[in-house]
Protein backbone atom coordinates (compact mmCIF):
# COMPACT_ATOMS: atom_id res chain seq x y z
CA UNK A 1 108.24 58.71 95.83
CA UNK A 2 111.08 60.20 93.89
CA UNK A 3 114.39 58.44 94.99
CA UNK A 4 117.29 60.79 95.68
CA UNK A 5 120.61 59.17 95.60
CA UNK A 6 123.86 60.46 97.50
CA UNK A 7 127.41 59.51 96.22
CA UNK A 8 130.72 60.06 97.95
CA UNK A 9 134.39 59.78 97.28
CA UNK A 10 136.97 59.37 99.64
CA UNK A 11 140.42 60.75 98.48
CA UNK A 12 144.02 59.18 99.13
CA UNK A 13 146.33 60.82 101.75
CA UNK A 14 147.58 58.37 104.15
CA UNK A 15 147.04 59.83 108.00
CA UNK A 16 145.31 62.52 106.90
CA UNK A 17 142.30 60.19 105.55
CA UNK A 18 141.45 59.51 109.02
CA UNK A 19 139.52 62.66 109.07
CA UNK A 20 136.93 60.78 106.72
CA UNK A 21 135.26 59.21 109.74
CA UNK A 22 134.29 62.81 110.98
CA UNK A 23 132.39 63.35 107.75
CA UNK A 24 130.68 59.84 107.78
CA UNK A 25 129.55 60.69 111.57
CA UNK A 26 127.85 63.64 110.20
CA UNK A 27 125.85 61.51 107.64
CA UNK A 28 124.72 59.42 110.56
CA UNK A 29 123.97 62.01 112.43
CA UNK A 30 121.59 63.18 109.78
CA UNK A 31 120.38 59.96 109.23
CA UNK A 32 121.60 59.69 105.63
CA UNK A 33 123.41 56.77 103.65
CA UNK A 34 124.89 56.87 100.59
CA UNK A 35 123.59 54.78 97.77
CA UNK A 36 127.24 54.35 96.21
CA UNK A 37 131.03 54.73 97.47
CA UNK A 38 134.47 55.44 95.79
CA UNK A 39 137.44 55.23 97.32
CA UNK A 40 141.42 55.99 96.82
CA UNK A 41 144.17 54.35 99.13
CA UNK A 42 142.96 55.46 102.65
CA UNK A 43 139.87 56.69 101.00
CA UNK A 44 139.26 52.87 100.17
CA UNK A 45 139.98 51.36 103.56
CA UNK A 46 137.37 53.83 104.93
CA UNK A 47 134.95 53.24 102.34
CA UNK A 48 135.39 49.60 102.63
CA UNK A 49 134.48 49.49 106.16
CA UNK A 50 131.41 52.06 105.51
CA UNK A 51 130.05 49.76 102.67
CA UNK A 52 130.22 46.85 104.56
CA UNK A 53 128.24 48.20 107.88
CA UNK A 54 130.31 50.20 109.98
CA UNK A 55 128.76 53.52 111.42
CA UNK A 56 131.02 56.39 111.80
CA UNK A 57 131.32 55.75 115.51
CA UNK A 58 131.91 52.00 114.85
CA UNK A 59 135.32 53.29 113.13
CA UNK A 60 136.20 55.73 115.67
CA UNK A 61 135.67 52.92 117.87
CA UNK A 62 138.15 50.80 116.27
CA UNK A 63 140.72 52.66 116.08
CA UNK A 64 140.57 53.89 119.65
CA UNK A 65 140.85 49.93 120.35
CA UNK A 66 143.63 49.27 118.10
CA UNK A 67 145.49 52.25 118.97
CA UNK A 68 147.10 54.64 117.05
CA UNK A 69 150.92 52.99 117.84
CA UNK A 70 149.33 49.49 116.60
CA UNK A 71 148.46 51.78 113.24
CA UNK A 72 151.86 53.03 113.07
CA UNK A 73 153.34 49.62 113.46
CA UNK A 74 151.35 48.20 110.64
CA UNK A 75 153.69 50.64 108.39
CA UNK A 76 156.93 50.50 110.11
CA UNK A 77 159.29 51.63 107.73
CA UNK A 78 162.08 50.04 109.30
CA UNK A 79 160.75 46.68 107.14
CA UNK A 80 162.89 46.62 103.77
CA UNK A 81 162.27 44.63 100.53
CA UNK A 82 163.64 45.70 97.41
CA UNK A 83 160.15 46.55 95.75
CA UNK A 84 158.89 49.03 98.68
CA UNK A 85 159.61 49.85 102.34
CA UNK A 86 157.01 47.66 103.57
CA UNK A 87 155.17 44.24 102.40
CA UNK A 88 151.79 45.14 104.10
CA UNK A 89 151.36 41.98 105.84
CA UNK A 90 149.95 44.11 109.08
CA UNK A 91 147.59 46.03 107.05
CA UNK A 92 146.37 42.93 105.23
CA UNK A 93 145.95 41.12 108.80
CA UNK A 94 144.05 43.94 109.79
CA UNK A 95 141.59 44.32 107.15
CA UNK A 96 141.12 40.66 107.05
CA UNK A 97 140.32 40.78 110.83
CA UNK A 98 138.00 43.74 110.82
CA UNK A 99 136.15 43.97 107.61
CA UNK A 100 132.92 41.77 107.98
CA UNK A 101 132.60 41.18 104.20
CA UNK A 102 135.05 39.29 102.01
CA UNK A 103 133.70 40.05 98.82
CA UNK A 104 132.43 43.07 96.75
CA UNK A 105 129.14 41.66 96.09
CA UNK A 106 128.32 41.47 99.78
CA UNK A 107 128.61 45.02 100.66
CA UNK A 108 125.65 47.00 102.01
CA UNK A 109 126.38 49.77 100.00
CA UNK A 110 127.96 49.69 96.06
CA UNK A 111 131.47 50.11 96.14
CA UNK A 112 134.04 50.96 93.76
CA UNK A 113 137.80 50.96 94.60
CA UNK A 114 140.52 52.86 92.67
CA UNK A 115 144.32 51.35 91.98
CA UNK A 116 146.66 52.26 89.04
CA UNK A 117 147.84 49.53 86.54
CA UNK A 118 151.44 49.93 86.89
CA UNK A 119 152.49 48.48 83.64
CA UNK A 120 150.05 50.04 81.30
CA UNK A 121 150.05 53.23 83.81
CA UNK A 122 146.42 53.40 83.85
CA UNK A 123 143.47 53.59 86.37
CA UNK A 124 141.91 50.50 87.47
CA UNK A 125 138.12 50.52 89.19
CA UNK A 126 137.77 47.10 91.39
CA UNK A 127 134.47 46.59 91.80
CA UNK A 128 133.97 42.71 91.88
CA UNK A 129 135.93 39.36 93.32
CA UNK A 130 137.39 39.48 96.77
CA UNK A 131 137.61 42.93 98.84
CA UNK A 132 140.86 43.07 100.77
CA UNK A 133 143.26 42.46 98.11
CA UNK A 134 141.47 45.56 95.97
CA UNK A 135 141.97 47.80 99.13
CA UNK A 136 145.49 46.44 99.41
CA UNK A 137 146.43 47.41 95.96
CA UNK A 138 144.65 50.71 96.26
CA UNK A 139 147.11 51.71 99.10
CA UNK A 140 150.27 50.51 97.28
CA UNK A 141 152.17 53.92 97.51
CA UNK A 142 155.10 53.83 95.54
CA UNK A 143 158.29 53.30 97.51
CA UNK A 144 156.15 52.62 100.33
CA UNK A 145 154.09 49.58 99.95
CA UNK A 146 155.02 46.65 97.51
CA UNK A 147 152.76 46.49 94.52
CA UNK A 148 150.13 43.72 94.32
CA UNK A 149 149.62 41.39 91.38
CA UNK A 150 145.98 40.95 90.78
CA UNK A 151 144.14 39.63 87.68
CA UNK A 152 147.48 39.52 85.54
CA UNK A 153 148.10 42.90 86.40
CA UNK A 154 150.72 44.92 88.67
CA UNK A 155 148.76 47.15 90.71
CA UNK A 156 149.93 50.30 92.87
CA UNK A 157 148.10 53.15 94.41
CA UNK A 158 145.03 54.42 93.24
CA UNK A 159 146.22 57.84 93.64
CA UNK A 160 148.57 58.01 90.99
CA UNK A 161 145.84 58.38 88.50
CA UNK A 162 142.69 59.29 90.27
CA UNK A 163 143.46 61.02 94.10
CA UNK A 164 139.96 61.71 94.74
CA UNK A 165 137.68 59.17 92.47
CA UNK A 166 134.05 61.17 92.37
CA UNK A 167 134.20 61.16 88.62
CA UNK A 168 133.90 57.29 88.28
CA UNK A 169 130.27 57.42 90.35
CA UNK A 170 128.88 61.00 88.94
CA UNK A 171 126.31 59.29 86.89
CA UNK A 172 125.14 57.07 89.75
CA UNK A 173 124.03 59.59 92.06
CA UNK A 174 121.82 63.21 92.64
CA UNK A 175 124.03 64.47 95.17
CA UNK A 176 127.78 63.98 94.83
CA UNK A 177 130.38 64.18 97.73
CA UNK A 178 134.06 64.58 97.07
CA UNK A 179 136.17 64.83 100.13
CA UNK A 180 140.07 65.39 99.22
CA UNK A 181 142.25 64.99 102.35
CA UNK A 182 145.78 65.51 100.05
CA UNK A 183 146.38 68.34 102.47
CA UNK A 184 148.36 71.68 102.22
CA UNK A 185 152.02 72.35 102.83
CA UNK A 186 153.31 75.38 104.52
CA UNK A 187 156.90 76.25 104.66
CA UNK A 188 158.66 76.24 107.84
CA UNK A 189 160.46 78.98 109.65
CA UNK A 190 163.48 77.34 109.33
CA UNK A 191 164.64 76.13 105.52
CA UNK A 192 166.12 72.76 105.11
CA UNK A 193 166.50 70.52 102.64
CA UNK A 194 163.81 67.47 102.62
CA UNK A 195 165.34 64.13 102.80
CA UNK A 196 164.60 61.59 100.39
CA UNK A 197 161.64 60.01 101.85
CA UNK A 198 160.06 63.44 102.00
CA UNK A 199 160.63 64.51 98.69
CA UNK A 200 159.03 61.21 97.69
CA UNK A 201 155.89 61.78 99.03
CA UNK A 202 155.68 65.53 98.90
CA UNK A 203 156.23 65.19 95.11
CA UNK A 204 153.43 62.50 94.76
CA UNK A 205 151.32 65.01 96.79
CA UNK A 206 152.07 67.70 94.28
CA UNK A 207 151.18 65.75 91.38
CA UNK A 208 147.88 64.61 92.89
CA UNK A 209 146.78 68.30 93.64
CA UNK A 210 147.24 68.66 89.77
CA UNK A 211 145.57 65.80 88.92
CA UNK A 212 142.74 67.12 90.89
CA UNK A 213 142.65 70.67 89.68
CA UNK A 214 142.56 69.41 86.03
CA UNK A 215 139.50 67.01 86.66
CA UNK A 216 137.62 69.82 88.37
CA UNK A 217 137.92 71.83 85.03
CA UNK A 218 135.65 69.03 83.46
CA UNK A 219 133.65 67.25 85.86
CA UNK A 220 132.87 68.35 89.20
CA UNK A 221 130.96 67.30 92.36
CA UNK A 222 128.46 68.54 93.93
CA UNK A 223 130.16 69.60 97.45
CA UNK A 224 133.87 69.17 97.61
CA UNK A 225 135.98 69.54 100.75
CA UNK A 226 139.27 70.03 101.12
CA UNK A 227 140.12 70.27 104.64
CA UNK A 228 143.51 72.38 105.24
CA UNK A 229 145.62 69.40 106.78
CA UNK A 230 148.82 71.32 106.78
CA UNK A 231 152.21 69.70 107.01
CA UNK A 232 150.92 66.31 108.20
CA UNK A 233 152.66 63.39 106.58
CA UNK A 234 151.13 60.67 104.86
CA UNK A 235 152.43 57.92 107.69
CA UNK A 236 152.23 60.54 110.63
CA UNK A 237 149.61 58.74 112.39
CA UNK A 238 150.50 59.92 115.43
CA UNK A 239 148.87 62.98 114.61
CA UNK A 240 145.64 61.91 114.80
CA UNK A 241 144.22 64.59 117.07
CA UNK A 242 145.82 67.38 114.84
CA UNK A 243 144.09 65.85 111.60
CA UNK A 244 140.40 65.89 113.28
CA UNK A 245 140.99 69.37 114.78
CA UNK A 246 142.18 70.65 111.29
CA UNK A 247 139.20 69.22 109.63
CA UNK A 248 136.80 70.60 112.34
CA UNK A 249 135.59 73.77 110.55
CA UNK A 250 135.08 71.54 107.30
CA UNK A 251 133.22 69.00 109.32
CA UNK A 252 130.57 71.77 110.92
CA UNK A 253 130.34 73.30 107.30
CA UNK A 254 129.44 70.26 105.68
CA UNK A 255 126.97 69.38 108.43
CA UNK A 256 125.52 72.80 107.46
CA UNK A 257 125.23 71.98 103.88
CA UNK A 258 123.85 68.33 104.48
CA UNK A 259 121.41 69.60 106.78
CA UNK A 260 120.15 72.06 104.39
CA UNK A 261 119.89 69.77 101.52
CA UNK A 262 118.01 67.40 103.66
CA UNK A 263 115.19 69.70 104.36
CA UNK A 264 115.33 71.05 100.86
CA UNK A 265 114.50 67.51 99.82
CA UNK A 266 112.20 66.53 102.70
CA UNK A 267 109.47 64.19 101.77
CA UNK A 268 111.93 62.29 99.39
CA UNK A 269 113.40 58.56 100.09
CA UNK A 270 117.07 58.45 99.97
CA UNK A 271 117.76 55.40 98.11
CA UNK A 272 120.88 53.15 98.36
CA UNK A 273 120.78 50.76 95.22
């Protein structure tokens, strides 16, 4: 029997990435599992939970259990250090407590996490060793989280070099799905000058959009999803309901695409490894 492989890449975008869970729930409903997963930043977090055995509903239940307020506390901007506004200890505690596997070789689905080597200014793909430090490196957004030193390298957010890392798994699957949660910005009715914090984050968003647009010119996923997620900030986890609502149409469109693909490939076996 011919084996069909699905690959999925989860992009970075902070709070906007909570909608990744909705797309996973669609795959669960259709009885489909990827053979490989790639993730950057929040996509690395979601990807790690998924790869370690969590279903989309499991992730939603965990989110409801801990509460949005607790998530906000994990990235409390009042905590100050010289290299970043947040040390990330709350995030580390959460990941260590809730991710059931500790190393890449124990995940149920092969996983690749993207970070950026600060000094060499290049992408780093992490797929071996300890899982949580790799995730922590991938979410180290400049000026927000402190960088991570891992294997002699100073690592920062993977979104700096590869916001939606579908290209790193292109040759490992038959159907490649990329979910881009960079979101969009819409001018407010009242013109105002953004503060320094907003300027940094919005500038990162502009640069990430440019990176993805450039990459699409030479390598493309089979299914590319980019929900509007208008004017939702990277750390605005309190807007969870707005994130889910903003992605609703894209989730439904994805469900139809995957149902059609499944029917077209009926008789094939979906292969994980």
